[in-house]
Protein backbone atom coordinates (compact mmCIF):
# COMPACT_ATOMS: atom_id res chain seq x y z
CA LEU A 1 15.58 118.44 -87.91
CA GLN A 2 11.83 119.04 -88.12
CA PHE A 3 11.14 115.78 -86.33
CA MET A 4 13.52 116.44 -83.68
CA GLY A 5 11.89 120.07 -83.43
CA VAL A 6 8.44 118.43 -82.99
CA LEU A 7 9.67 116.24 -80.28
CA PHE A 8 11.32 119.23 -78.57
CA MET A 9 7.92 121.08 -78.82
CA ARG A 10 6.40 118.13 -77.04
CA THR A 11 8.87 118.41 -74.15
CA LEU A 12 7.36 122.08 -73.91
CA HIS A 13 3.76 120.93 -73.86
CA PRO A 14 3.74 117.54 -72.16
CA HIS A 15 0.30 117.54 -71.15
CA GLY A 16 -2.58 116.16 -73.55
CA PRO A 17 -2.37 114.09 -76.53
CA ILE A 18 0.32 114.79 -79.02
CA ARG A 19 -2.17 115.77 -81.76
CA SER A 20 -3.07 118.74 -79.82
CA LEU A 21 0.20 120.35 -81.13
CA TRP A 22 -1.47 120.72 -84.29
CA GLY A 23 -4.75 122.21 -83.08
CA SER A 24 -5.67 125.98 -83.74
CA ASP A 25 -8.18 126.33 -80.81
CA TYR A 26 -7.51 128.63 -77.56
CA ASP A 27 -8.37 126.42 -74.84
CA SER A 28 -5.99 127.94 -72.27
CA ALA A 29 -4.11 131.27 -71.54
CA SER A 30 -1.42 130.53 -74.07
CA PRO A 31 -1.92 130.52 -77.74
CA PRO A 32 -1.98 127.16 -79.71
CA VAL A 33 1.22 125.61 -80.82
CA ASP A 34 -0.31 124.78 -84.39
CA LEU A 35 2.77 122.99 -85.78
CA GLY A 36 1.16 122.82 -89.41
CA LYS A 37 0.65 126.51 -89.73
CA ARG A 38 3.83 127.62 -87.60
CA PHE A 39 6.36 125.19 -88.95
CA GLY A 40 4.79 123.60 -92.04
CA VAL A 41 4.79 120.16 -90.42
CA SER A 42 1.63 118.17 -91.10
CA ARG A 43 0.51 115.87 -88.64
CA CYS A 44 0.45 112.97 -91.14
CA ARG A 45 4.05 113.66 -92.13
CA PHE A 46 5.17 113.44 -88.35
CA GLU A 47 3.43 110.15 -88.10
CA GLN A 48 5.03 108.82 -91.05
CA TRP A 49 8.45 110.01 -89.45
CA ARG A 50 7.47 108.64 -86.14
CA LYS A 51 6.64 105.25 -87.68
CA HIS A 52 9.85 104.87 -89.77
CA ILE A 53 12.69 106.54 -87.94
CA LYS A 54 14.21 104.38 -85.48
CA PHE A 55 16.90 105.21 -82.91
CA ALA A 56 18.35 101.63 -82.41
CA PRO A 57 19.35 98.78 -84.88
CA PRO A 58 16.54 96.35 -86.24
CA TYR A 59 17.55 93.46 -83.75
CA ALA A 60 16.79 95.83 -80.63
CA TYR A 61 12.90 95.63 -81.57
CA ILE A 62 12.74 91.89 -81.83
CA THR A 63 14.26 90.92 -78.66
CA ASP A 64 12.61 90.37 -75.31
CA ASN A 65 15.00 92.69 -73.51
CA ALA A 66 13.24 96.16 -73.81
CA PHE A 67 16.46 97.92 -72.79
CA ASN A 68 17.76 96.84 -76.28
CA CYS A 69 16.05 99.98 -77.90
CA ILE A 70 17.77 102.60 -75.58
CA ARG A 71 21.14 100.76 -75.23
CA PRO A 72 22.64 101.67 -78.64
CA LEU A 73 21.95 105.39 -77.87
CA ILE A 74 23.75 105.34 -74.60
CA HIS A 75 26.70 103.56 -76.04
CA ALA A 76 26.96 106.08 -78.91
CA PHE A 77 26.78 108.99 -76.30
CA ASN A 78 29.56 107.29 -74.34
CA ALA A 79 31.59 106.68 -77.30
CA ASN A 80 31.20 110.38 -78.65
CA ARG A 81 32.13 111.80 -75.26
CA LEU A 82 35.21 109.58 -74.98
CA GLN A 83 36.38 110.83 -78.50
CA THR A 84 35.65 114.42 -78.21
CA ILE A 85 35.92 115.64 -74.71
CA ARG A 86 39.25 115.87 -72.72
CA PRO A 87 38.16 115.90 -69.14
CA GLY A 88 39.77 118.02 -66.53
CA SER A 89 41.32 116.71 -63.51
CA GLU A 90 38.07 116.49 -61.12
CA LEU A 91 35.50 113.94 -61.99
CA ILE A 92 32.48 112.92 -59.82
CA LEU A 93 30.34 109.92 -59.69
CA ASP A 94 26.60 110.83 -59.56
CA GLU A 95 23.00 109.61 -60.39
CA SER A 96 20.37 111.29 -62.77
CA MET A 97 16.81 110.62 -63.24
CA GLY A 98 15.07 110.61 -66.73
CA LYS A 99 11.73 112.14 -65.80
CA TRP A 100 8.84 109.92 -66.81
CA ILE A 101 5.76 111.70 -68.18
CA PRO A 102 3.30 109.29 -69.51
CA VAL A 103 1.07 110.14 -72.29
CA ALA A 104 -1.33 107.19 -73.17
CA GLU A 105 -1.64 108.17 -76.81
CA ASP A 106 2.37 108.28 -77.44
CA VAL A 107 3.25 105.16 -75.18
CA ASP A 108 3.01 101.40 -76.17
CA ASP A 109 4.00 99.72 -73.00
CA GLY A 110 5.94 102.49 -71.08
CA ILE A 111 9.35 102.20 -70.12
CA PRO A 112 11.04 98.90 -69.22
CA PHE A 113 12.06 99.77 -65.60
CA LEU A 114 10.23 102.48 -63.86
CA THR A 115 12.09 103.70 -60.76
CA LYS A 116 10.71 105.72 -57.90
CA ILE A 117 13.43 107.42 -55.74
CA ALA A 118 11.67 109.65 -52.95
CA ARG A 119 14.61 111.94 -52.29
CA LYS A 120 14.73 113.09 -55.89
CA PRO A 121 12.85 116.34 -56.74
CA GLN A 122 11.55 114.47 -60.11
CA GLY A 123 11.60 110.98 -58.58
CA ILE A 124 9.86 108.92 -61.10
CA GLY A 125 11.72 107.51 -64.25
CA SER A 126 14.63 105.95 -65.49
CA GLU A 127 17.87 105.94 -63.39
CA TYR A 128 21.41 106.50 -64.62
CA LYS A 129 24.45 106.41 -63.01
CA ASN A 130 26.93 108.92 -64.53
CA ILE A 131 30.60 110.44 -64.46
CA ALA A 132 30.58 114.06 -64.62
CA GLU A 133 33.39 116.53 -65.26
CA CYS A 134 33.49 119.26 -62.87
CA THR A 135 35.38 122.05 -64.65
CA TYR A 136 32.92 122.16 -67.31
CA GLY A 137 29.83 120.78 -65.58
CA ILE A 138 29.24 118.06 -68.23
CA MET A 139 28.34 114.28 -68.06
CA LEU A 140 30.78 112.08 -69.62
CA GLN A 141 29.69 108.68 -69.37
CA LEU A 142 26.04 107.12 -68.41
CA GLU A 143 25.07 103.96 -67.41
CA LEU A 144 21.64 102.87 -67.42
CA GLN A 145 20.28 101.07 -64.27
CA GLU A 146 18.27 98.20 -65.45
CA GLY A 147 17.20 96.55 -62.39
């Protein structure tokens, strides 16, 4: 959970290198995050987690198709929703964007297919087609647009 907490903190502080989350200097109006002091997570420990925790099976990292790394996560999401959610009578097809925030230190090659859609408020990232349930306002199924 600490690993996920650090990743969540990264979304709240997306600018600058990730190592800045362990800094204790005041370089802006807000206080430093200082994860080492605040949550007891050393940067070295986080780097070890990041090196060894994988979200896809081993074969996904050795193929030429870069989408293989995210595809198992999307399939697991869809399977979980299918088993746990009973949708109401109103469904809608929609599209969503996963916003892309490049941070040079954290990224090897970027994302496999970067989409730019001018009509979207956050129009640069990965595009998903989805089915949403209208009563509860949740997504039921996702489909990654690969090309």
